[in-house]
Amino acid sequence: MHENSTATAEKNQLVPTNYGALGTLVTVFFFWGFIAAGNSIFIPFCKHYFHLDQFQSQLIDFAFYTAYYVGALGLFAYGSFGGKDLVGKWGYKKSIVYGLLFSALGAAAMIIAVNADTFSGMLVGLFIVALGFSLQQTAAQPFAISLGDPSTGTSRVNLGGGINSFGTTIGPIVVALALFGTTAAVTDEQIAALSLSKVIILYVGVGGLFVAAAALFHFAKKVPAGIMEESTEKADKALYTLLIISGLLIIMFVPVFDSYKKDMSTASTDEVLAMNAYRMKWLLGALGVVVFGLLFANLSASKKPAGWGAMKYPQLVLGMLAIFVYVGVEVAIGSNLGELLKLDSFGGKQASEATPYIAMYWGSLMIGRWAGAVSAFNLKNSTKVILQIIVPLVAFGIILGVNTIAQYNMESLYFYVLCVLIQIAAFYFSKDNPVRTLMIFGVLGVVAMIIGTQTSGTVGTYAILSGGLCCSIMWPCIFSLSIAGLGKYTTQGSAFLIMMILGGGIIPPIQGKLADVIGIQQSYFVAVICFAYLAFFAVAVKGILKKQGVSFDTAASGGGH
């Protein structure tokens, strides 16, 4: 299905989009976002119910991110030993159905764990749910790109991402209504008083939605099977490299986890600083393992490509780092935002007062993705330009409206529309070109984070929040550029990229520990470095793809999209 994508992308005539299949696929994207809303209640519930500290509560997210890595690595290992890509063998359609059913098993495991009153069992259940998500996303991303012309592939992924963000936006309200009988903001007291029976009801509903989505996809006649018959070459070198990286990551993470068993409540300032330095050392070691491991793979594959599989393509290896950095910076900005807003220079906001800003940050992802999704439809250029102005403003209004319904005061965020207008202008100049789009938004991200570290008040707050606008359309750009020209290695490359969601489990704690040393505001220089790499990737991958005969400039210039 993908082998001819390079040649097709260079033709002036666009391949028509399969809107029926795309419509079914984006319902699954919505589903992922909606289900994620359950964790917004589940994480603080576990913290209260099981008397967890902040790190222990973050094990929920860690289990989720680790499952993505393990699941994608397992898919690759199967293909490497079996000589056939499992997702390609099943086809995109069946892979998504199987992934949804596997996630349903995870929901069942969650119900059993809740009944058994065991936190570790809940972590196992969430791990299984995320393993299913790993399979779904490995298939869904290239599937969306394949449902039409490659030149508009990023727009289709943006459409899915925009629908996903919409699910995340309305999900908390629906979950709050189901569990607490109110659409108002859920308080810590309400979460603490939540009974286990209500949590069981939540995951019975989640499991039912998994099964319903699987049935919807399975019986949708307009969705093609998406089977890839080509055998893949063994990629022993890539497999062994990834296994070594995995082993080294385990070595790096164990001391970090063990350090949290120590009671630091009575420790002196020097002891706390020493412990933070100790943890930072191992976290930076984990970062080094990923970065230098992938750079080693890229260097080795460039000298002798045999045995490296998809990793022999430099755009993929650099793209793996880009996904790692992108997910890391997206999560890090949001995870550390509440602590930043506690500073007097940023308003000295407590948790309840910071919630509207955090909601706007994650809502910014929806704004950008909705704007990027406009090009997924075959529209006149004039119509497209008008919609790329209107749609982000409508999305901004929806975020204000939804959070107002939840009884948050959003008045201080009305002028954030100025940042949205800057994003609209950036979209106009990007001209639907994934290289140019990624470069422009990477540079904007660098500028925004520098402003955020050097100013305060409303300007500094808006600058940090706008990181969400910059991140919003990066995933599809990175993904489509990284798998361009891979042919029969497309799904293998997709699995490699999904592995790198692991960045969300490494970069945020690094920023958090750095904040203990230099302060929370200055710790956002981590985001500066991340955005700088993403801008670099855009420039580097353009030259790499041009040498391989893949020109996104040519593809983007095709008319009428």
Protein backbone atom coordinates (compact mmCIF):
# COMPACT_ATOMS: atom_id res chain seq x y z
CA MET A 1 0.00 0.00 0.00
CA HIS A 2 2.87 2.34 0.80
CA GLU A 3 5.52 1.33 -1.70
CA ASN A 4 4.24 3.70 -4.36
CA SER A 5 3.70 6.64 -1.99
CA THR A 6 6.90 8.37 -3.02
CA ALA A 7 6.08 8.33 -6.69
CA THR A 8 2.52 9.37 -6.04
CA ALA A 9 3.58 12.30 -3.89
CA GLU A 10 5.51 13.73 -6.79
CA LYS A 11 2.60 13.78 -9.17
CA ASN A 12 0.51 16.87 -9.63
CA GLN A 13 -2.78 14.93 -9.58
CA LEU A 14 -3.89 14.13 -6.04
CA VAL A 15 -5.10 10.68 -5.01
CA PRO A 16 -8.73 11.02 -3.82
CA THR A 17 -9.29 10.67 -0.08
CA ASN A 18 -11.35 7.74 1.21
CA TYR A 19 -13.62 9.87 3.40
CA GLY A 20 -15.79 6.93 4.49
CA ALA A 21 -12.83 5.07 5.95
CA LEU A 22 -11.36 8.29 7.34
CA GLY A 23 -14.63 9.08 9.13
CA THR A 24 -14.61 5.68 10.83
CA LEU A 25 -10.94 6.00 11.74
CA VAL A 26 -11.28 9.40 13.41
CA THR A 27 -13.99 8.00 15.70
CA VAL A 28 -11.25 5.82 17.17
CA PHE A 29 -9.06 8.93 17.62
CA PHE A 30 -11.96 10.55 19.50
CA PHE A 31 -12.24 7.43 21.61
CA TRP A 32 -8.58 7.61 22.72
CA GLY A 33 -9.02 11.19 23.87
CA PHE A 34 -12.30 10.49 25.64
CA ILE A 35 -10.89 7.50 27.52
CA ALA A 36 -7.89 9.56 28.65
CA ALA A 37 -10.38 11.71 30.59
CA GLY A 38 -10.90 8.79 32.95
CA ASN A 39 -7.29 9.07 34.12
CA SER A 40 -7.84 12.71 35.14
CA ILE A 41 -10.14 11.32 37.84
CA PHE A 42 -8.35 8.01 38.39
CA ILE A 43 -4.87 9.38 39.19
CA PRO A 44 -5.92 11.75 42.01
CA PHE A 45 -8.35 9.08 43.27
CA CYS A 46 -5.50 6.58 43.65
CA LYS A 47 -3.33 9.22 45.32
CA HIS A 48 -6.00 9.82 47.96
CA TYR A 49 -7.29 6.27 48.35
CA PHE A 50 -3.91 4.51 48.55
CA HIS A 51 -2.12 7.40 50.34
CA LEU A 52 0.49 7.76 47.60
CA ASP A 53 3.14 10.44 47.30
CA GLN A 54 3.49 12.49 44.11
CA PHE A 55 6.05 10.16 42.54
CA GLN A 56 4.04 7.03 43.30
CA SER A 57 0.96 8.58 41.71
CA GLN A 58 3.07 9.29 38.61
CA LEU A 59 3.67 5.56 38.27
CA ILE A 60 0.28 5.51 36.55
CA ASP A 61 1.60 7.65 33.71
CA PHE A 62 4.89 5.76 33.73
CA ALA A 63 3.05 2.43 33.28
CA PHE A 64 1.15 3.97 30.37
CA TYR A 65 4.22 5.34 28.55
CA THR A 66 6.27 2.20 29.18
CA ALA A 67 3.53 0.05 27.69
CA TYR A 68 3.73 2.00 24.42
CA TYR A 69 7.45 1.29 24.25
CA VAL A 70 7.13 -2.40 25.19
CA GLY A 71 4.20 -2.98 22.83
CA ALA A 72 5.89 -1.40 19.83
CA LEU A 73 9.15 -3.22 20.60
CA GLY A 74 7.23 -6.51 20.75
CA LEU A 75 5.67 -5.85 17.33
CA PHE A 76 9.08 -5.17 15.86
CA ALA A 77 10.64 -8.24 17.48
CA TYR A 78 7.90 -10.43 15.99
CA GLY A 79 8.56 -9.03 12.54
CA SER A 80 12.30 -9.39 12.92
CA PHE A 81 12.17 -13.04 13.95
CA GLY A 82 9.19 -14.02 11.81
CA GLY A 83 10.20 -12.15 8.68
CA LYS A 84 6.75 -10.61 8.39
CA ASP A 85 5.41 -7.41 9.89
CA LEU A 86 2.52 -8.36 12.21
CA VAL A 87 0.53 -5.19 11.51
CA GLY A 88 1.15 -5.64 7.78
CA LYS A 89 0.09 -9.29 8.03
CA TRP A 90 -3.13 -8.52 9.88
CA GLY A 91 -3.77 -5.30 7.99
CA TYR A 92 -4.44 -1.89 9.50
CA LYS A 93 -8.13 -2.60 10.04
CA LYS A 94 -7.74 -5.86 11.97
CA SER A 95 -4.78 -4.47 13.93
CA ILE A 96 -6.93 -1.62 15.25
CA VAL A 97 -9.78 -4.03 16.08
CA TYR A 98 -7.40 -6.39 17.92
CA GLY A 99 -5.83 -3.46 19.74
CA LEU A 100 -9.24 -2.26 20.95
CA LEU A 101 -10.18 -5.73 22.17
CA PHE A 102 -6.84 -6.04 23.96
CA SER A 103 -7.52 -2.73 25.68
CA ALA A 104 -10.91 -4.13 26.71
CA LEU A 105 -9.03 -6.95 28.48
CA GLY A 106 -7.06 -4.26 30.29
CA ALA A 107 -10.30 -2.62 31.43
CA ALA A 108 -11.44 -6.01 32.74
CA ALA A 109 -8.13 -6.38 34.60
CA MET A 110 -8.71 -2.92 36.08
CA ILE A 111 -12.12 -4.00 37.40
CA ILE A 112 -10.59 -7.10 39.00
CA ALA A 113 -7.80 -5.00 40.57
CA VAL A 114 -10.26 -2.44 41.94
CA ASN A 115 -12.31 -5.26 43.50
CA ALA A 116 -9.11 -6.69 45.00
CA ASP A 117 -8.18 -3.23 46.32
CA THR A 118 -4.63 -3.43 44.92
CA PHE A 119 -2.78 -0.49 43.37
CA SER A 120 -0.16 -2.67 41.66
CA GLY A 121 -2.98 -4.62 39.99
CA MET A 122 -4.43 -1.35 38.71
CA LEU A 123 -1.03 -0.48 37.21
CA VAL A 124 -1.03 -3.86 35.43
CA GLY A 125 -4.51 -3.17 34.09
CA LEU A 126 -3.52 0.25 32.77
CA PHE A 127 -0.40 -1.31 31.25
CA ILE A 128 -2.58 -3.77 29.32
CA VAL A 129 -4.91 -0.97 28.18
CA ALA A 130 -1.91 0.98 26.87
CA LEU A 131 -0.47 -2.11 25.14
CA GLY A 132 -3.67 -2.17 23.13
CA PHE A 133 -3.30 1.53 22.42
CA SER A 134 0.24 0.88 21.19
CA LEU A 135 -1.04 -1.60 18.60
CA GLN A 136 -3.88 0.73 17.60
CA GLN A 137 -1.61 3.74 17.11
CA THR A 138 1.07 1.77 15.27
CA ALA A 139 -1.61 0.93 12.69
CA ALA A 140 -3.71 4.10 12.78
CA GLN A 141 -1.04 6.71 12.00
CA PRO A 142 0.19 5.24 8.66
CA PHE A 143 -3.39 4.12 7.91
CA ALA A 144 -4.59 7.74 8.04
CA ILE A 145 -1.74 8.81 5.76
CA SER A 146 -2.56 6.00 3.30
CA LEU A 147 -6.24 6.97 2.91
CA GLY A 148 -5.48 9.56 0.24
CA ASP A 149 -2.66 11.50 -1.32
CA PRO A 150 0.61 11.56 0.69
CA SER A 151 0.76 15.35 0.31
CA THR A 152 -2.34 15.70 2.51
CA GLY A 153 -1.40 12.86 4.87
CA THR A 154 -0.38 15.19 7.68
CA SER A 155 -3.76 16.91 7.44
CA ARG A 156 -5.60 13.60 7.90
CA VAL A 157 -3.52 12.79 10.97
CA ASN A 158 -4.20 16.35 12.17
CA LEU A 159 -7.92 15.69 11.72
CA GLY A 160 -7.63 12.59 13.86
CA GLY A 161 -5.58 14.51 16.42
CA GLY A 162 -8.13 17.33 16.48
CA ILE A 163 -10.97 14.89 17.11
CA ASN A 164 -8.81 13.22 19.76
CA SER A 165 -8.31 16.57 21.51
CA PHE A 166 -12.03 17.26 21.34
CA GLY A 167 -12.63 13.98 23.14
CA THR A 168 -10.10 14.99 25.77
CA THR A 169 -11.79 18.40 26.16
CA ILE A 170 -15.34 17.14 26.74
CA GLY A 171 -14.33 13.88 28.43
CA PRO A 172 -13.72 15.30 31.93
CA ILE A 173 -17.18 16.89 31.95
CA VAL A 174 -18.90 13.66 30.87
CA VAL A 175 -16.90 11.59 33.38
CA ALA A 176 -17.63 14.09 36.18
CA LEU A 177 -21.33 13.96 35.31
CA ALA A 178 -21.32 10.16 35.34
CA LEU A 179 -19.41 9.78 38.60
CA PHE A 180 -20.45 12.85 40.60
CA GLY A 181 -23.71 13.96 38.99
CA THR A 182 -22.34 17.41 38.17
CA THR A 183 -20.53 19.19 35.34
CA ALA A 184 -18.72 21.50 37.76
CA ALA A 185 -15.02 21.24 38.46
CA VAL A 186 -14.35 18.18 40.60
CA THR A 187 -12.79 19.02 43.96
CA ASP A 188 -10.17 17.04 45.88
CA GLU A 189 -12.79 16.32 48.54
CA GLN A 190 -15.14 14.79 45.96
CA ILE A 191 -12.35 12.63 44.54
CA ALA A 192 -11.31 11.50 48.03
CA ALA A 193 -14.90 10.50 48.79
CA LEU A 194 -15.33 8.56 45.52
CA SER A 195 -16.27 4.94 46.21
CA LEU A 196 -14.67 1.92 44.56
CA SER A 197 -18.05 0.93 43.15
CA LYS A 198 -18.12 4.15 41.08
CA VAL A 199 -14.63 3.43 39.73
CA ILE A 200 -15.78 -0.06 38.75
CA ILE A 201 -18.74 1.47 36.90
CA LEU A 202 -16.31 3.81 35.11
CA TYR A 203 -14.18 0.95 33.79
CA VAL A 204 -17.17 -1.21 32.92
CA GLY A 205 -18.21 1.69 30.70
CA VAL A 206 -14.68 2.06 29.35
CA GLY A 207 -14.48 -1.64 28.51
CA GLY A 208 -17.86 -1.46 26.81
CA LEU A 209 -16.70 1.48 24.70
CA PHE A 210 -13.59 -0.45 23.66
CA VAL A 211 -15.74 -3.36 22.46
CA ALA A 212 -18.23 -1.03 20.75
CA ALA A 213 -15.45 0.79 18.89
CA ALA A 214 -13.96 -2.55 17.79
CA ALA A 215 -17.35 -3.62 16.45
CA LEU A 216 -17.81 -0.30 14.65
CA PHE A 217 -14.46 -0.66 12.93
CA HIS A 218 -14.87 -4.35 12.16
CA PHE A 219 -18.26 -4.00 10.48
CA ALA A 220 -17.46 -0.77 8.60
CA LYS A 221 -17.49 -1.88 4.95
CA LYS A 222 -15.87 1.32 3.69
CA VAL A 223 -12.70 0.70 5.71
CA PRO A 224 -10.12 -1.19 3.59
CA ALA A 225 -8.18 -4.08 5.12
CA GLY A 226 -4.86 -2.30 4.63
CA ILE A 227 -2.89 -5.54 4.36
CA MET A 228 0.77 -5.35 3.30
CA GLU A 229 1.97 -8.67 1.86
CA GLU A 230 5.64 -7.81 1.49
CA SER A 231 8.08 -9.75 3.62
CA THR A 232 10.52 -7.68 5.61
CA GLU A 233 14.21 -8.30 5.82
CA LYS A 234 15.49 -9.42 9.18
CA ALA A 235 16.67 -6.47 11.23
CA ASP A 236 18.79 -8.23 13.83
CA LYS A 237 21.10 -5.29 14.38
CA ALA A 238 18.19 -2.94 15.04
CA LEU A 239 16.54 -5.46 17.37
CA TYR A 240 19.68 -6.10 19.40
CA THR A 241 20.37 -2.36 19.63
CA LEU A 242 16.86 -1.70 20.93
CA LEU A 243 17.10 -4.58 23.40
CA ILE A 244 20.41 -3.20 24.71
CA ILE A 245 18.83 0.26 24.99
CA SER A 246 15.92 -1.31 26.91
CA GLY A 247 18.28 -3.09 29.30
CA LEU A 248 20.27 0.06 29.96
CA LEU A 249 17.05 2.02 30.57
CA ILE A 250 16.05 -0.53 33.22
CA ILE A 251 19.45 -0.07 34.86
CA MET A 252 18.97 3.71 34.85
CA PHE A 253 15.42 3.66 36.21
CA VAL A 254 15.91 1.19 39.09
CA PRO A 255 18.03 3.56 41.26
CA VAL A 256 15.51 6.37 40.67
CA PHE A 257 12.63 4.19 41.89
CA ASP A 258 14.63 2.79 44.81
CA SER A 259 15.51 6.32 45.94
CA TYR A 260 11.84 7.09 46.44
CA LYS A 261 11.54 4.38 49.08
CA LYS A 262 13.53 6.62 51.41
CA ASP A 263 11.63 8.86 53.80
CA MET A 264 12.83 12.39 53.04
CA SER A 265 10.24 14.14 55.24
CA THR A 266 12.81 14.80 57.99
CA ALA A 267 15.83 15.22 55.73
CA SER A 268 17.99 18.35 55.86
CA THR A 269 18.28 20.75 52.93
CA ASP A 270 21.68 19.31 51.99
CA GLU A 271 20.30 15.76 52.05
CA VAL A 272 17.38 16.75 49.82
CA LEU A 273 19.74 18.46 47.35
CA ALA A 274 22.01 15.42 47.34
CA MET A 275 19.07 13.13 46.63
CA ASN A 276 17.83 15.36 43.82
CA ALA A 277 21.32 15.34 42.27
CA TYR A 278 21.41 11.55 42.57
CA ARG A 279 18.06 11.18 40.81
CA MET A 280 19.00 13.71 38.15
CA LYS A 281 22.18 11.76 37.36
CA TRP A 282 20.24 8.59 36.56
CA LEU A 283 17.50 10.40 34.65
CA LEU A 284 20.10 12.12 32.47
CA GLY A 285 21.71 8.72 32.02
CA ALA A 286 18.40 7.39 30.66
CA LEU A 287 18.21 10.34 28.27
CA GLY A 288 21.77 9.68 27.13
CA VAL A 289 21.01 6.00 26.52
CA VAL A 290 18.19 6.88 24.11
CA VAL A 291 19.97 9.73 22.30
CA PHE A 292 23.37 8.10 21.88
CA GLY A 293 21.85 4.68 21.20
CA LEU A 294 19.84 6.02 18.27
CA LEU A 295 22.73 8.12 16.96
CA PHE A 296 24.95 5.01 17.09
CA ALA A 297 22.30 3.11 15.13
CA ASN A 298 22.11 5.85 12.52
CA LEU A 299 25.90 6.00 12.12
CA SER A 300 26.27 2.22 11.91
CA ALA A 301 23.41 1.82 9.45
CA SER A 302 24.83 4.50 7.17
CA LYS A 303 28.06 2.48 6.85
CA LYS A 304 26.48 -0.98 6.49
CA PRO A 305 22.65 -0.95 6.06
CA ALA A 306 22.16 -4.74 6.07
CA GLY A 307 20.43 -5.95 9.23
CA TRP A 308 19.09 -2.57 10.31
CA GLY A 309 15.65 -2.78 8.68
CA ALA A 310 13.81 0.54 8.77
CA MET A 311 16.64 2.02 10.82
CA LYS A 312 18.79 2.20 7.71
CA TYR A 313 16.73 5.25 6.77
CA PRO A 314 18.21 8.32 8.49
CA GLN A 315 14.89 10.20 8.33
CA LEU A 316 13.37 7.50 10.56
CA VAL A 317 16.14 7.47 13.18
CA LEU A 318 16.19 11.26 13.43
CA GLY A 319 12.38 11.14 13.47
CA MET A 320 12.47 8.70 16.40
CA LEU A 321 14.45 11.28 18.35
CA ALA A 322 12.01 13.94 17.19
CA ILE A 323 8.98 11.98 18.49
CA PHE A 324 10.83 11.31 21.76
CA VAL A 325 11.57 15.03 22.15
CA TYR A 326 8.11 16.13 20.97
CA VAL A 327 6.15 13.93 23.39
CA GLY A 328 8.58 14.85 26.14
CA VAL A 329 8.22 18.59 25.69
CA GLU A 330 4.45 18.44 25.25
CA VAL A 331 4.03 16.55 28.53
CA ALA A 332 6.74 18.50 30.37
CA ILE A 333 5.19 21.91 29.66
CA GLY A 334 1.81 20.78 30.95
CA SER A 335 3.09 18.74 33.90
CA ASN A 336 5.17 21.60 35.31
CA LEU A 337 2.66 24.37 34.54
CA GLY A 338 0.84 24.19 37.87
CA GLU A 339 4.09 24.63 39.78
CA LEU A 340 5.09 27.60 37.57
CA LEU A 341 1.80 29.37 38.23
CA LYS A 342 2.40 29.14 41.99
CA LEU A 343 5.20 31.71 41.64
CA ASP A 344 4.25 35.19 42.85
CA SER A 345 5.53 36.60 39.55
CA PHE A 346 2.99 34.38 37.74
CA GLY A 347 0.09 35.27 40.03
CA GLY A 348 0.69 32.93 42.97
CA LYS A 349 -2.16 30.67 41.86
CA GLN A 350 -3.26 27.67 43.89
CA ALA A 351 -4.30 24.40 42.24
CA SER A 352 -7.96 25.36 41.67
CA GLU A 353 -6.95 28.76 40.26
CA ALA A 354 -4.38 27.16 37.92
CA THR A 355 -6.87 24.69 36.42
CA PRO A 356 -8.22 27.06 33.70
CA TYR A 357 -4.67 27.70 32.46
CA ILE A 358 -3.83 24.01 32.37
CA ALA A 359 -7.11 23.40 30.51
CA MET A 360 -6.19 26.10 27.99
CA TYR A 361 -2.74 24.56 27.47
CA TRP A 362 -4.20 21.17 26.56
CA GLY A 363 -7.00 22.88 24.66
CA SER A 364 -4.35 24.65 22.57
CA LEU A 365 -3.50 21.27 21.09
CA MET A 366 -7.08 21.01 19.85
CA ILE A 367 -6.97 24.53 18.38
CA GLY A 368 -3.91 23.77 16.28
CA ARG A 369 -5.05 20.33 15.20
CA TRP A 370 -8.43 21.61 14.08
CA ALA A 371 -6.69 24.25 11.99
CA GLY A 372 -4.32 21.68 10.51
CA ALA A 373 -7.21 19.34 9.69
CA VAL A 374 -8.77 21.80 7.22
CA SER A 375 -6.45 20.61 4.46
CA ALA A 376 -7.70 17.03 4.86
CA PHE A 377 -10.68 18.07 2.72
CA ASN A 378 -10.56 18.85 -0.98
CA LEU A 379 -11.39 22.56 -0.83
CA LYS A 380 -10.66 25.59 -2.93
CA ASN A 381 -7.64 27.54 -1.73
CA SER A 382 -9.79 30.57 -0.88
CA THR A 383 -12.21 28.42 1.16
CA LYS A 384 -9.33 26.72 2.91
CA VAL A 385 -7.75 30.05 3.91
CA ILE A 386 -11.07 31.28 5.32
CA LEU A 387 -11.59 28.08 7.31
CA GLN A 388 -8.03 28.15 8.66
CA ILE A 389 -8.95 31.51 10.18
CA ILE A 390 -12.43 30.60 11.42
CA VAL A 391 -11.86 27.04 12.69
CA PRO A 392 -9.12 27.87 15.27
CA LEU A 393 -11.24 30.73 16.62
CA VAL A 394 -14.24 28.42 16.91
CA ALA A 395 -12.07 25.85 18.72
CA PHE A 396 -10.85 28.60 21.08
CA GLY A 397 -14.46 29.54 21.78
CA ILE A 398 -15.40 25.92 22.47
CA ILE A 399 -12.59 25.60 25.02
CA LEU A 400 -13.75 28.76 26.77
CA GLY A 401 -17.35 27.56 26.67
CA VAL A 402 -16.69 24.02 27.90
CA ASN A 403 -14.62 25.25 30.84
CA THR A 404 -17.15 27.96 31.65
CA ILE A 405 -19.82 25.23 31.82
CA ALA A 406 -17.47 23.46 34.25
CA GLN A 407 -17.69 26.68 36.31
CA TYR A 408 -14.10 27.87 35.79
CA ASN A 409 -13.40 31.59 35.48
CA MET A 410 -11.84 32.02 32.03
CA GLU A 411 -11.79 35.85 31.86
CA SER A 412 -8.02 36.11 32.30
CA LEU A 413 -7.56 33.98 29.15
CA TYR A 414 -9.71 36.00 26.73
CA PHE A 415 -6.69 37.83 25.29
CA TYR A 416 -4.95 34.51 24.63
CA VAL A 417 -6.76 34.83 21.31
CA LEU A 418 -3.76 36.97 20.23
CA CYS A 419 -1.57 33.84 20.43
CA VAL A 420 -4.16 31.95 18.40
CA LEU A 421 -4.00 34.66 15.72
CA ILE A 422 -0.20 34.28 15.57
CA GLN A 423 -0.71 30.55 15.04
CA ILE A 424 -3.21 31.25 12.24
CA ALA A 425 -0.61 33.44 10.51
CA ALA A 426 1.99 30.69 10.92
CA PHE A 427 -0.36 28.18 9.29
CA TYR A 428 -0.84 30.53 6.35
CA PHE A 429 2.90 30.84 5.75
CA SER A 430 3.49 27.09 6.19
CA LYS A 431 1.42 26.37 3.02
CA ASP A 432 0.52 22.81 4.14
CA ASN A 433 4.15 21.79 3.77
CA PRO A 434 5.13 19.48 6.66
CA VAL A 435 8.80 20.53 6.50
CA ARG A 436 8.00 24.24 6.55
CA THR A 437 5.26 23.74 9.15
CA LEU A 438 7.54 21.88 11.54
CA MET A 439 10.34 24.41 11.08
CA ILE A 440 8.09 27.45 11.64
CA PHE A 441 6.41 26.01 14.73
CA GLY A 442 9.72 24.74 16.10
CA VAL A 443 11.17 28.25 15.86
CA LEU A 444 7.99 29.74 17.38
CA GLY A 445 8.31 27.24 20.22
CA VAL A 446 11.89 28.33 20.90
CA VAL A 447 10.87 32.01 20.92
CA ALA A 448 7.83 31.36 23.14
CA MET A 449 9.80 29.40 25.73
CA ILE A 450 12.59 32.00 25.85
CA ILE A 451 9.97 34.72 26.43
CA GLY A 452 8.41 32.53 29.13
CA THR A 453 11.72 32.15 30.95
CA GLN A 454 12.61 35.85 30.75
CA THR A 455 9.26 37.52 31.53
CA SER A 456 6.42 37.00 34.01
CA GLY A 457 2.76 37.85 34.56
CA THR A 458 0.33 37.58 31.66
CA VAL A 459 3.02 37.77 28.96
CA GLY A 460 5.07 34.97 30.49
CA THR A 461 2.00 32.85 31.14
CA TYR A 462 0.67 33.24 27.60
CA ALA A 463 4.13 32.45 26.20
CA ILE A 464 4.33 29.15 28.09
CA LEU A 465 0.71 28.28 27.23
CA SER A 466 1.42 28.88 23.53
CA GLY A 467 3.77 25.91 23.67
CA GLY A 468 0.57 23.90 23.24
CA LEU A 469 -0.22 25.75 20.02
CA CYS A 470 3.31 25.01 18.76
CA CYS A 471 3.11 21.32 19.70
CA SER A 472 -0.36 20.83 18.27
CA ILE A 473 0.54 19.98 14.69
CA MET A 474 4.04 18.56 15.19
CA TRP A 475 3.13 14.87 15.59
CA PRO A 476 1.70 14.38 12.05
CA CYS A 477 4.51 16.39 10.49
CA ILE A 478 7.19 14.35 12.24
CA PHE A 479 5.38 11.09 11.55
CA SER A 480 4.81 11.65 7.82
CA LEU A 481 8.36 12.92 7.25
CA SER A 482 9.88 10.03 9.21
CA ILE A 483 8.10 7.24 7.29
CA ALA A 484 8.34 8.93 3.86
CA GLY A 485 10.04 6.63 1.36
CA LEU A 486 10.14 3.60 3.69
CA GLY A 487 7.94 1.43 1.43
CA LYS A 488 7.58 -2.06 2.92
CA TYR A 489 9.24 -0.85 6.12
CA THR A 490 6.44 1.65 6.79
CA THR A 491 4.69 -0.23 9.61
CA GLN A 492 8.02 -1.26 11.11
CA GLY A 493 9.06 2.38 11.11
CA SER A 494 5.69 3.30 12.62
CA ALA A 495 6.33 0.87 15.49
CA PHE A 496 9.74 2.46 16.08
CA LEU A 497 8.13 5.90 16.25
CA ILE A 498 5.44 4.73 18.68
CA MET A 499 8.22 3.38 20.95
CA MET A 500 9.53 6.89 21.31
CA ILE A 501 6.41 8.02 23.17
CA LEU A 502 8.72 6.95 26.00
CA GLY A 503 10.01 10.53 25.91
CA GLY A 504 6.95 11.48 27.98
CA GLY A 505 8.35 9.38 30.82
CA ILE A 506 11.90 10.78 30.78
CA ILE A 507 11.95 14.46 29.80
CA PRO A 508 9.25 15.74 32.24
CA PRO A 509 10.96 14.36 35.38
CA ILE A 510 14.28 15.75 34.14
CA GLN A 511 12.70 19.21 33.96
CA GLY A 512 11.09 18.64 37.36
CA LYS A 513 14.40 17.74 38.99
CA LEU A 514 16.16 20.61 37.21
CA ALA A 515 13.53 22.95 38.68
CA ASP A 516 14.71 21.94 42.17
CA VAL A 517 18.17 23.23 41.25
CA ILE A 518 17.64 26.37 39.14
CA GLY A 519 13.95 27.16 39.73
CA ILE A 520 10.77 26.18 37.92
CA GLN A 521 10.74 29.13 35.49
CA GLN A 522 14.31 28.65 34.30
CA SER A 523 13.75 24.90 34.00
CA TYR A 524 11.69 25.67 30.88
CA PHE A 525 15.00 26.00 29.02
CA VAL A 526 14.56 22.23 28.63
CA ALA A 527 11.63 23.09 26.34
CA VAL A 528 13.83 25.55 24.43
CA ILE A 529 16.30 22.77 23.66
CA CYS A 530 13.52 20.39 22.62
CA PHE A 531 11.89 22.87 20.22
CA ALA A 532 15.32 23.74 18.79
CA TYR A 533 15.92 20.07 17.92
CA LEU A 534 12.50 19.83 16.25
CA ALA A 535 13.32 22.85 14.07
CA PHE A 536 16.69 21.25 13.24
CA PHE A 537 14.97 17.98 12.31
CA ALA A 538 12.76 19.81 9.83
CA VAL A 539 15.79 21.30 8.07
CA ALA A 540 17.82 18.08 8.16
CA VAL A 541 15.05 15.76 6.95
CA LYS A 542 14.32 17.99 3.95
CA GLY A 543 17.84 17.41 2.63
CA ILE A 544 17.75 13.69 3.47
CA LEU A 545 14.46 13.12 1.63
CA LYS A 546 15.57 15.21 -1.34
CA LYS A 547 18.56 12.90 -1.81
CA GLN A 548 16.15 9.94 -1.85
CA GLY A 549 13.94 11.60 -4.46
CA VAL A 550 11.12 12.48 -2.06
CA SER A 551 10.10 16.12 -2.36
CA PHE A 552 7.42 17.44 -0.04
CA ASP A 553 7.74 20.82 -1.70
CA THR A 554 6.43 19.25 -4.91
CA ALA A 555 3.69 17.43 -3.08
CA ALA A 556 2.53 20.48 -1.22
CA SER A 557 2.23 22.53 -4.40
CA GLY A 558 -0.46 20.28 -5.84
CA GLY A 559 -3.69 22.21 -6.28
CA GLY A 560 -6.96 22.23 -4.53
CA HIS A 561 -6.22 20.84 -1.08
